[in-house]
């Protein structure tokens, strides 16, 4: 279960971020949405999870709809953000730092700067992304990334467009780029009854994943309604209000399909 907590008190605020003209530095600024100090589901071990503002997708089951659109809101430097991470270093020594969103690659320089600081401190780094704007991730940034959590919302182009509002092509292209580079990847797929659970859709994804040599884990995430209250507070329509969570048998069937292609899914 993912919990989004308020950012630490006293962090700097602002409405704009100066464009970087050189390599990212500790002074590189970013828009921060929230943090989770002891996350257990966004990568291996106990993790400090930093959620960033900004996302080009409009996922129907998004649990941070207030992070959609262009990055905005509170700003802080990479150095200031990482100072907070270091306070938990003893707790996350067997886990690490995960940067999520929103879509963190909407702010690639900020992510790059944070990961550079993390590697200097000996902290494991994980990038949680849909891959839709994967072209914004430089090779230098990916060199600092120990693990990529790649959220493939759907393999069917039509279903992906319905679920997210965008095409799946860029995500699949990014997946192939990560394979060519040798970046370790965990694939994550949200199982939504009546939306992403079509067996042909799962078959297509399973076959695609089976063809990747760098996938260390596949996670089937059962649909939940954690973001529903946020939609209500923002006056936004929530389209999945009547959609149930998948049953154990539906989850088991999805795992069976992945197993058919030699992929263990959890």
Protein backbone atom coordinates (compact mmCIF):
# COMPACT_ATOMS: atom_id res chain seq x y z
CA UNK A 1 0.00 0.00 0.00
CA UNK A 2 1.43 3.36 -1.02
CA UNK A 3 1.02 6.32 1.32
CA UNK A 4 1.80 9.85 0.25
CA UNK A 5 2.87 12.05 3.11
CA UNK A 6 3.32 15.80 3.24
CA UNK A 7 6.82 17.14 2.47
CA UNK A 8 8.99 18.12 5.46
CA UNK A 9 8.18 21.47 7.00
CA UNK A 10 10.41 24.40 6.17
CA UNK A 11 11.24 23.34 2.62
CA UNK A 12 11.61 26.22 0.14
CA UNK A 13 8.65 27.11 -2.06
CA UNK A 14 8.28 28.79 -5.43
CA UNK A 15 6.48 28.75 -8.76
CA UNK A 16 9.28 28.36 -11.27
CA UNK A 17 12.48 26.43 -11.82
CA UNK A 18 15.44 28.00 -13.61
CA UNK A 19 16.51 26.07 -16.69
CA UNK A 20 19.83 24.29 -16.31
CA UNK A 21 22.49 25.22 -18.82
CA UNK A 22 25.03 22.54 -17.82
CA UNK A 23 25.18 19.19 -16.07
CA UNK A 24 22.77 18.90 -13.14
CA UNK A 25 24.23 19.97 -9.78
CA UNK A 26 23.07 19.80 -6.13
CA UNK A 27 21.54 23.24 -6.73
CA UNK A 28 19.31 21.94 -9.54
CA UNK A 29 15.72 22.71 -8.59
CA UNK A 30 12.70 20.43 -8.80
CA UNK A 31 8.98 20.37 -8.06
CA UNK A 32 8.25 17.97 -5.19
CA UNK A 33 4.80 16.51 -4.57
CA UNK A 34 5.25 14.44 -1.38
CA UNK A 35 7.41 11.86 0.33
CA UNK A 36 7.06 8.46 1.94
CA UNK A 37 9.85 7.80 4.39
CA UNK A 38 9.49 4.05 4.87
CA UNK A 39 8.12 2.63 1.63
CA UNK A 40 8.03 -1.12 1.15
CA UNK A 41 6.49 -1.58 -2.31
CA UNK A 42 8.53 0.69 -4.62
CA UNK A 43 11.67 -1.35 -5.04
CA UNK A 44 13.70 -3.74 -2.87
CA UNK A 45 13.94 -3.25 0.89
CA UNK A 46 12.83 -0.29 2.96
CA UNK A 47 12.91 2.86 0.84
CA UNK A 48 12.65 6.63 0.94
CA UNK A 49 10.17 7.42 -1.85
CA UNK A 50 10.17 10.90 -3.35
CA UNK A 51 7.10 11.73 -5.45
CA UNK A 52 7.54 14.50 -8.01
CA UNK A 53 4.97 16.77 -9.63
CA UNK A 54 4.11 16.51 -13.31
CA UNK A 55 2.81 13.73 -15.55
CA UNK A 56 1.65 13.60 -19.18
CA UNK A 57 -0.57 10.57 -18.53
CA UNK A 58 -4.16 10.60 -17.27
CA UNK A 59 -4.43 7.08 -15.85
CA UNK A 60 -7.97 6.27 -14.79
CA UNK A 61 -6.72 4.66 -11.56
CA UNK A 62 -4.06 7.29 -10.74
CA UNK A 63 -3.53 7.63 -6.97
CA UNK A 64 -1.89 11.06 -7.34
CA UNK A 65 -4.19 12.92 -9.79
CA UNK A 66 -3.01 16.20 -8.28
CA UNK A 67 0.46 15.45 -9.70
CA UNK A 68 -0.79 15.32 -13.30
CA UNK A 69 0.01 17.95 -15.91
CA UNK A 70 3.06 20.21 -16.01
CA UNK A 71 5.33 20.24 -12.94
CA UNK A 72 4.25 22.95 -10.53
CA UNK A 73 3.96 23.87 -6.87
CA UNK A 74 6.62 23.62 -4.20
CA UNK A 75 10.26 23.68 -5.30
CA UNK A 76 13.42 22.61 -3.57
CA UNK A 77 17.00 21.99 -4.60
CA UNK A 78 18.34 18.49 -5.09
CA UNK A 79 20.70 19.14 -2.20
CA UNK A 80 17.86 20.15 0.14
CA UNK A 81 15.75 17.16 -0.90
CA UNK A 82 18.67 14.79 -0.44
CA UNK A 83 19.46 16.19 2.99
CA UNK A 84 16.09 14.81 4.06
CA UNK A 85 16.93 11.43 2.52
CA UNK A 86 20.16 11.25 4.51
CA UNK A 87 18.21 11.52 7.76
CA UNK A 88 16.87 8.03 7.02
CA UNK A 89 20.09 6.48 5.72
CA UNK A 90 20.37 4.01 8.60
CA UNK A 91 16.80 2.82 7.96
CA UNK A 92 17.14 2.45 4.19
CA UNK A 93 20.64 0.96 4.13
CA UNK A 94 19.24 -2.34 2.75
CA UNK A 95 16.75 -0.49 0.54
CA UNK A 96 17.40 2.90 -0.97
CA UNK A 97 15.91 5.92 -2.70
CA UNK A 98 13.02 5.63 -5.15
CA UNK A 99 11.90 8.59 -7.26
CA UNK A 100 8.29 8.33 -8.43
CA UNK A 101 5.50 10.73 -9.31
CA UNK A 102 3.68 11.85 -11.22
CA UNK A 103 6.24 11.02 -13.85
CA UNK A 104 9.78 11.71 -12.60
CA UNK A 105 11.21 11.96 -16.12
CA UNK A 106 9.24 15.19 -16.55
CA UNK A 107 12.10 16.55 -14.38
CA UNK A 108 15.13 14.58 -15.61
CA UNK A 109 17.79 17.06 -14.40
CA UNK A 110 16.42 16.98 -10.86
CA UNK A 111 16.35 13.18 -10.87
CA UNK A 112 19.88 13.09 -12.28
CA UNK A 113 21.16 15.40 -9.55
CA UNK A 114 19.47 13.40 -6.79
CA UNK A 115 20.78 10.08 -8.09
CA UNK A 116 24.31 11.51 -8.35
CA UNK A 117 24.12 12.50 -4.67
CA UNK A 118 22.68 9.09 -3.77
CA UNK A 119 25.46 7.18 -5.50
CA UNK A 120 28.08 9.34 -3.76
CA UNK A 121 26.45 8.35 -0.46
CA UNK A 122 26.30 4.66 -1.38
CA UNK A 123 22.49 4.59 -1.61
CA UNK A 124 20.65 2.31 -4.06
CA UNK A 125 18.63 4.20 -6.67
CA UNK A 126 15.31 3.27 -8.27
CA UNK A 127 13.37 5.13 -10.95
CA UNK A 128 9.61 4.52 -11.10
CA UNK A 129 8.36 5.52 -14.56
CA UNK A 130 5.77 4.82 -17.23
CA UNK A 131 8.51 5.20 -19.84
CA UNK A 132 6.33 7.46 -21.97
CA UNK A 133 8.91 10.26 -21.85
CA UNK A 134 11.85 7.89 -21.57
CA UNK A 135 13.73 9.86 -24.22
CA UNK A 136 14.23 12.56 -21.58
CA UNK A 137 16.41 10.19 -19.55
CA UNK A 138 20.02 10.68 -20.61
CA UNK A 139 22.46 7.79 -20.63
CA UNK A 140 24.26 9.59 -17.81
CA UNK A 141 21.10 9.53 -15.68
CA UNK A 142 20.49 5.86 -16.45
CA UNK A 143 24.10 5.07 -15.56
CA UNK A 144 23.23 6.27 -12.04
CA UNK A 145 20.03 4.19 -11.90
CA UNK A 146 20.33 0.81 -10.20
CA UNK A 147 16.77 -0.28 -10.96
CA UNK A 148 13.90 0.87 -13.16
CA UNK A 149 10.33 0.12 -12.15
CA UNK A 150 8.69 0.23 -15.57
CA UNK A 151 4.91 0.55 -15.40
CA UNK A 152 3.41 -0.91 -18.55
CA UNK A 153 -0.25 0.02 -18.23
CA UNK A 154 -1.40 -2.17 -21.11
CA UNK A 155 0.09 -3.92 -24.12
CA UNK A 156 -2.93 -3.37 -26.35
CA UNK A 157 -2.52 0.08 -27.96
CA UNK A 158 -6.26 0.75 -27.79
CA UNK A 159 -6.55 -0.27 -24.14
CA UNK A 160 -3.44 1.73 -23.22
CA UNK A 161 -4.94 4.83 -24.83
CA UNK A 162 -8.20 4.33 -22.92
CA UNK A 163 -6.39 3.75 -19.61
CA UNK A 164 -3.80 6.54 -19.87
CA UNK A 165 -4.78 8.90 -22.69
CA UNK A 166 -1.47 8.25 -24.52
CA UNK A 167 0.02 5.62 -26.83
CA UNK A 168 2.06 2.67 -25.56
CA UNK A 169 4.74 2.84 -28.30
CA UNK A 170 7.16 5.08 -26.39
CA UNK A 171 6.96 2.88 -23.30
CA UNK A 172 7.84 -0.24 -25.29
CA UNK A 173 10.64 1.63 -27.06
CA UNK A 174 12.06 2.68 -23.68
CA UNK A 175 11.86 -0.91 -22.46
CA UNK A 176 13.99 -2.02 -25.42
CA UNK A 177 16.46 0.80 -24.78
CA UNK A 178 16.85 -0.31 -21.17
CA UNK A 179 17.47 -3.86 -22.34
CA UNK A 180 20.14 -2.72 -24.80
CA UNK A 181 21.83 -0.77 -22.00
CA UNK A 182 21.58 -3.61 -19.51
CA UNK A 183 19.58 -1.65 -16.91
CA UNK A 184 17.85 -3.94 -14.43
CA UNK A 185 14.07 -3.65 -14.71
CA UNK A 186 11.02 -4.67 -12.74
CA UNK A 187 7.87 -4.67 -14.86
CA UNK A 188 4.67 -3.58 -13.14
CA UNK A 189 1.18 -4.12 -14.53
CA UNK A 190 -2.05 -2.97 -12.88
CA UNK A 191 -4.85 -5.52 -13.25
CA UNK A 192 -8.17 -3.69 -13.59
CA UNK A 193 -11.31 -5.83 -14.06
CA UNK A 194 -13.12 -4.90 -17.24
CA UNK A 195 -10.27 -2.67 -18.40
CA UNK A 196 -6.81 -4.28 -18.53
CA UNK A 197 -7.72 -7.88 -17.72
CA UNK A 198 -8.48 -8.99 -21.29
CA UNK A 199 -6.50 -12.20 -21.78
CA UNK A 200 -5.16 -11.16 -25.19
CA UNK A 201 -3.85 -7.98 -23.62
CA UNK A 202 -2.07 -9.93 -20.88
CA UNK A 203 -0.79 -12.48 -23.41
CA UNK A 204 0.75 -9.71 -25.50
CA UNK A 205 2.47 -8.20 -22.49
CA UNK A 206 3.69 -11.58 -21.25
CA UNK A 207 5.19 -12.42 -24.64
CA UNK A 208 6.87 -9.00 -24.85
CA UNK A 209 8.34 -9.28 -21.36
CA UNK A 210 9.54 -12.83 -22.04
CA UNK A 211 11.63 -11.42 -24.89
CA UNK A 212 13.50 -8.99 -22.61
CA UNK A 213 16.76 -10.20 -21.07
CA UNK A 214 17.00 -7.60 -18.28
CA UNK A 215 13.73 -8.15 -16.40
CA UNK A 216 14.40 -9.31 -12.84
CA UNK A 217 10.80 -9.28 -11.61
CA UNK A 218 7.22 -8.89 -12.84
CA UNK A 219 4.58 -7.55 -10.47
CA UNK A 220 0.84 -7.78 -11.05
CA UNK A 221 -0.67 -4.97 -9.01
CA UNK A 222 -4.36 -5.41 -8.12
CA UNK A 223 -6.45 -2.33 -8.90
CA UNK A 224 -7.39 -0.24 -5.86
CA UNK A 225 -9.23 3.03 -5.27
CA UNK A 226 -6.69 4.87 -3.14
CA UNK A 227 -6.94 8.00 -5.26
CA UNK A 228 -10.75 8.25 -5.32
CA UNK A 229 -11.01 10.74 -2.44
CA UNK A 230 -8.43 12.99 -4.10
CA UNK A 231 -10.60 13.15 -7.21
CA UNK A 232 -13.59 14.13 -5.11
CA UNK A 233 -11.66 16.84 -3.27
CA UNK A 234 -10.43 18.25 -6.58
CA UNK A 235 -13.90 18.09 -8.15
CA UNK A 236 -12.68 15.64 -10.81
CA UNK A 237 -14.73 12.74 -12.19
CA UNK A 238 -13.58 9.31 -11.05
CA UNK A 239 -14.40 6.83 -13.81
CA UNK A 240 -13.72 3.62 -11.89
CA UNK A 241 -16.00 4.19 -8.92
CA UNK A 242 -17.97 1.02 -9.65
CA UNK A 243 -15.00 -1.11 -10.67
CA UNK A 244 -14.23 -3.86 -8.13
CA UNK A 245 -10.78 -5.00 -7.10
CA UNK A 246 -9.71 -8.14 -8.97
CA UNK A 247 -10.51 -11.44 -7.32
CA UNK A 248 -7.83 -13.91 -6.29
CA UNK A 249 -8.84 -16.12 -9.21
CA UNK A 250 -8.45 -13.24 -11.67
CA UNK A 251 -4.99 -12.48 -10.32
CA UNK A 252 -4.10 -16.18 -10.46
CA UNK A 253 -5.25 -16.37 -14.08
CA UNK A 254 -3.04 -13.41 -15.03
CA UNK A 255 -0.08 -15.16 -13.38
CA UNK A 256 -0.88 -18.32 -15.34
CA UNK A 257 -0.72 -16.40 -18.59
CA UNK A 258 2.71 -14.99 -17.73
CA UNK A 259 3.87 -18.47 -16.66
CA UNK A 260 2.81 -19.80 -20.06
CA UNK A 261 5.62 -17.65 -21.50
CA UNK A 262 8.12 -18.68 -18.84
CA UNK A 263 7.69 -15.54 -16.74
CA UNK A 264 7.14 -15.72 -12.98
CA UNK A 265 4.78 -12.91 -11.94
CA UNK A 266 4.17 -11.90 -8.34
